[in-house]
N, C-alpha and C. Protein backbone atom coordinates (compact mmCIF):
# COMPACT_ATOMS: atom_id res chain seq x y z
N MET A 1 89.74 130.95 69.60
CA MET A 1 89.74 131.47 70.95
C MET A 1 91.18 131.69 71.40
N PRO A 2 91.41 132.75 72.12
CA PRO A 2 92.77 133.05 72.57
C PRO A 2 93.14 132.24 73.82
N LEU A 3 93.58 131.01 73.62
CA LEU A 3 94.05 130.16 74.72
C LEU A 3 95.55 130.31 74.84
N TYR A 4 96.02 130.50 76.05
CA TYR A 4 97.45 130.65 76.29
C TYR A 4 97.89 129.68 77.38
N ASP A 5 99.14 129.26 77.31
CA ASP A 5 99.73 128.42 78.34
C ASP A 5 100.50 129.31 79.31
N PHE A 6 100.35 129.01 80.59
CA PHE A 6 101.01 129.78 81.64
C PHE A 6 101.69 128.85 82.63
N ARG A 7 102.72 129.38 83.30
CA ARG A 7 103.34 128.70 84.43
C ARG A 7 103.34 129.70 85.59
N CYS A 8 102.86 129.23 86.73
CA CYS A 8 102.82 130.07 87.91
C CYS A 8 104.21 130.11 88.53
N ARG A 9 104.73 131.28 88.74
CA ARG A 9 106.05 131.40 89.35
C ARG A 9 106.01 131.09 90.84
N GLY A 10 104.83 131.17 91.43
CA GLY A 10 104.69 130.90 92.86
C GLY A 10 104.72 129.41 93.19
N CYS A 11 103.89 128.63 92.49
CA CYS A 11 103.79 127.20 92.83
C CYS A 11 104.31 126.28 91.73
N GLY A 12 104.62 126.82 90.54
CA GLY A 12 105.16 125.99 89.46
C GLY A 12 104.10 125.29 88.63
N ASN A 13 102.83 125.49 88.92
CA ASN A 13 101.75 124.86 88.17
C ASN A 13 101.73 125.37 86.73
N THR A 14 101.55 124.47 85.78
CA THR A 14 101.41 124.83 84.38
C THR A 14 99.95 124.61 83.99
N PHE A 15 99.36 125.60 83.33
CA PHE A 15 97.95 125.50 82.97
C PHE A 15 97.66 126.31 81.71
N GLU A 16 96.46 126.11 81.19
CA GLU A 16 96.00 126.80 80.00
C GLU A 16 94.84 127.71 80.41
N ALA A 17 94.79 128.92 79.86
CA ALA A 17 93.73 129.85 80.23
C ALA A 17 93.25 130.61 79.00
N LEU A 18 91.95 130.86 78.99
CA LEU A 18 91.34 131.70 77.97
C LEU A 18 91.56 133.15 78.38
N VAL A 19 92.16 133.95 77.50
CA VAL A 19 92.47 135.34 77.84
C VAL A 19 91.81 136.24 76.80
N ARG A 20 90.84 137.03 77.27
CA ARG A 20 90.17 138.01 76.41
C ARG A 20 90.39 139.38 77.00
N SER A 21 90.30 140.41 76.17
CA SER A 21 90.62 141.77 76.64
C SER A 21 89.66 142.25 77.73
N GLN A 22 88.41 141.83 77.72
CA GLN A 22 87.46 142.30 78.72
C GLN A 22 87.55 141.56 80.04
N ASP A 23 88.27 140.42 80.08
CA ASP A 23 88.39 139.63 81.31
C ASP A 23 89.57 140.13 82.16
N PRO A 24 89.48 139.92 83.48
CA PRO A 24 90.64 140.25 84.32
C PRO A 24 91.79 139.30 84.00
N GLU A 25 92.99 139.68 84.37
CA GLU A 25 94.13 138.81 84.08
C GLU A 25 93.94 137.47 84.79
N PRO A 26 94.44 136.40 84.19
CA PRO A 26 94.21 135.07 84.76
C PRO A 26 94.93 134.86 86.09
N ARG A 27 94.43 133.91 86.84
CA ARG A 27 95.03 133.50 88.11
C ARG A 27 95.39 132.02 88.01
N CYS A 28 96.35 131.62 88.79
CA CYS A 28 96.73 130.21 88.86
C CYS A 28 95.58 129.44 89.51
N PRO A 29 95.12 128.35 88.88
CA PRO A 29 94.02 127.58 89.48
C PRO A 29 94.44 126.85 90.76
N SER A 30 95.72 126.63 90.97
CA SER A 30 96.18 125.92 92.17
C SER A 30 96.30 126.84 93.38
N CYS A 31 97.01 127.97 93.20
CA CYS A 31 97.29 128.83 94.36
C CYS A 31 96.64 130.21 94.25
N GLN A 32 95.95 130.48 93.15
CA GLN A 32 95.29 131.76 92.89
C GLN A 32 96.28 132.92 92.72
N GLY A 33 97.55 132.59 92.50
CA GLY A 33 98.55 133.63 92.31
C GLY A 33 98.43 134.31 90.96
N ARG A 34 98.96 135.52 90.87
CA ARG A 34 98.92 136.28 89.62
C ARG A 34 100.32 136.45 89.00
N ASP A 35 101.35 135.92 89.64
CA ASP A 35 102.71 136.03 89.11
C ASP A 35 102.90 134.89 88.11
N LEU A 36 102.48 135.15 86.86
CA LEU A 36 102.45 134.11 85.83
C LEU A 36 103.44 134.40 84.72
N GLU A 37 103.97 133.35 84.16
CA GLU A 37 104.86 133.45 82.99
C GLU A 37 104.10 132.84 81.82
N GLN A 38 103.94 133.62 80.74
CA GLN A 38 103.26 133.08 79.56
C GLN A 38 104.25 132.23 78.78
N LEU A 39 103.83 131.01 78.46
CA LEU A 39 104.69 130.07 77.75
C LEU A 39 104.38 130.08 76.27
N LEU A 40 105.31 129.57 75.49
CA LEU A 40 105.04 129.40 74.07
C LEU A 40 104.08 128.23 73.90
N SER A 41 102.99 128.46 73.24
CA SER A 41 101.99 127.42 73.05
C SER A 41 102.36 126.55 71.86
N THR A 42 101.99 125.29 71.96
CA THR A 42 102.18 124.39 70.82
C THR A 42 100.97 124.52 69.91
N PHE A 43 101.09 124.04 68.71
CA PHE A 43 99.98 124.12 67.78
C PHE A 43 99.83 122.78 67.07
N ALA A 44 98.65 122.55 66.56
CA ALA A 44 98.36 121.31 65.84
C ALA A 44 98.53 121.55 64.35
N LEU A 45 99.05 120.57 63.69
CA LEU A 45 99.27 120.66 62.26
C LEU A 45 98.54 119.49 61.62
N ASP A 46 97.69 119.77 60.66
CA ASP A 46 96.92 118.72 60.01
C ASP A 46 97.22 118.74 58.53
N THR A 47 97.95 117.72 58.07
CA THR A 47 98.26 117.58 56.66
C THR A 47 97.89 116.18 56.22
N ASP A 48 97.80 115.98 54.92
CA ASP A 48 97.50 114.65 54.39
C ASP A 48 98.55 113.63 54.81
N ASP A 49 99.81 114.03 54.80
CA ASP A 49 100.90 113.12 55.19
C ASP A 49 100.78 112.70 56.65
N ARG A 50 100.51 113.65 57.52
CA ARG A 50 100.38 113.34 58.96
C ARG A 50 99.16 112.46 59.20
N ARG A 51 98.05 112.75 58.51
CA ARG A 51 96.84 111.96 58.66
C ARG A 51 97.08 110.53 58.19
N SER A 52 97.76 110.37 57.06
CA SER A 52 98.07 109.03 56.53
C SER A 52 99.00 108.27 57.47
N ALA A 53 99.99 108.96 58.00
CA ALA A 53 100.92 108.31 58.92
C ALA A 53 100.21 107.88 60.21
N ALA A 54 99.29 108.70 60.70
CA ALA A 54 98.54 108.35 61.90
C ALA A 54 97.64 107.14 61.65
N ALA A 55 97.00 107.08 60.47
CA ALA A 55 96.14 105.95 60.13
C ALA A 55 96.96 104.67 60.00
N LEU A 56 98.13 104.75 59.38
CA LEU A 56 99.00 103.58 59.23
C LEU A 56 99.48 103.09 60.59
N ASP A 57 99.85 104.01 61.46
CA ASP A 57 100.29 103.64 62.80
C ASP A 57 99.16 102.96 63.58
N SER A 58 97.96 103.49 63.45
CA SER A 58 96.80 102.90 64.12
C SER A 58 96.55 101.48 63.62
N ARG A 59 96.64 101.28 62.31
CA ARG A 59 96.43 99.93 61.74
C ARG A 59 97.50 98.97 62.25
N LYS A 60 98.74 99.42 62.31
CA LYS A 60 99.82 98.55 62.79
C LYS A 60 99.58 98.13 64.25
N ARG A 61 99.15 99.09 65.08
CA ARG A 61 98.87 98.76 66.47
C ARG A 61 97.70 97.79 66.60
N GLN A 62 96.67 97.95 65.77
CA GLN A 62 95.52 97.05 65.79
C GLN A 62 95.92 95.64 65.38
N VAL A 63 96.75 95.52 64.34
CA VAL A 63 97.22 94.21 63.88
C VAL A 63 98.05 93.55 64.97
N ALA A 64 98.94 94.30 65.58
CA ALA A 64 99.79 93.74 66.65
C ALA A 64 98.93 93.28 67.82
N LYS A 65 97.93 94.07 68.18
CA LYS A 65 97.06 93.70 69.29
C LYS A 65 96.28 92.43 68.96
N ARG A 66 95.78 92.34 67.75
CA ARG A 66 95.03 91.16 67.32
C ARG A 66 95.95 89.94 67.28
N LYS A 67 97.17 90.13 66.83
CA LYS A 67 98.14 89.03 66.77
C LYS A 67 98.39 88.49 68.18
N ASP A 68 98.56 89.38 69.16
CA ASP A 68 98.76 88.96 70.55
C ASP A 68 97.57 88.15 71.06
N ALA A 69 96.35 88.57 70.69
CA ALA A 69 95.15 87.85 71.12
C ALA A 69 95.09 86.46 70.49
N ILE A 70 95.45 86.34 69.23
CA ILE A 70 95.46 85.04 68.55
C ILE A 70 96.47 84.10 69.20
N ILE A 71 97.66 84.61 69.49
CA ILE A 71 98.70 83.79 70.14
C ILE A 71 98.24 83.35 71.52
N ALA A 72 97.63 84.25 72.27
CA ALA A 72 97.14 83.90 73.61
C ALA A 72 96.05 82.83 73.53
N ASP A 73 95.15 82.94 72.56
CA ASP A 73 94.10 81.93 72.38
C ASP A 73 94.71 80.57 72.05
N GLU A 74 95.69 80.57 71.18
CA GLU A 74 96.33 79.31 70.77
C GLU A 74 97.06 78.67 71.96
N GLU A 75 97.76 79.47 72.74
CA GLU A 75 98.45 78.94 73.92
C GLU A 75 97.45 78.38 74.92
N TYR A 76 96.32 79.04 75.08
CA TYR A 76 95.29 78.54 76.00
C TYR A 76 94.78 77.18 75.52
N ARG A 77 94.52 77.08 74.20
CA ARG A 77 94.03 75.80 73.65
C ARG A 77 95.05 74.69 73.83
N LEU A 78 96.32 75.00 73.66
CA LEU A 78 97.35 73.98 73.80
C LEU A 78 97.42 73.44 75.23
N HIS A 79 97.21 74.30 76.21
CA HIS A 79 97.33 73.90 77.60
C HIS A 79 96.02 73.42 78.23
N HIS A 80 94.89 73.64 77.55
CA HIS A 80 93.60 73.32 78.14
C HIS A 80 92.75 72.38 77.28
N ASP A 81 93.32 71.77 76.27
CA ASP A 81 92.56 70.80 75.46
C ASP A 81 92.34 69.53 76.26
N ASP A 82 91.16 68.94 76.06
CA ASP A 82 90.85 67.69 76.77
C ASP A 82 91.41 66.51 76.07
């Protein structure tokens, strides 16, 4: 789908709009202005290296979160044992 990023010159709002040849030109959703600047859109890149790096990062965050929970449990036991 032809999605484009725009910035309204009137109010400064940045938004994304679907632009097809049969549709009227887009309007700013904030102020309904038509004085728009088309921005360079970013794109997603999916490679095995990026996927592996994302999975490794996710595992590291999960381990760190679990470690914090274990430490908190141990501190609670130390201060609340009968």
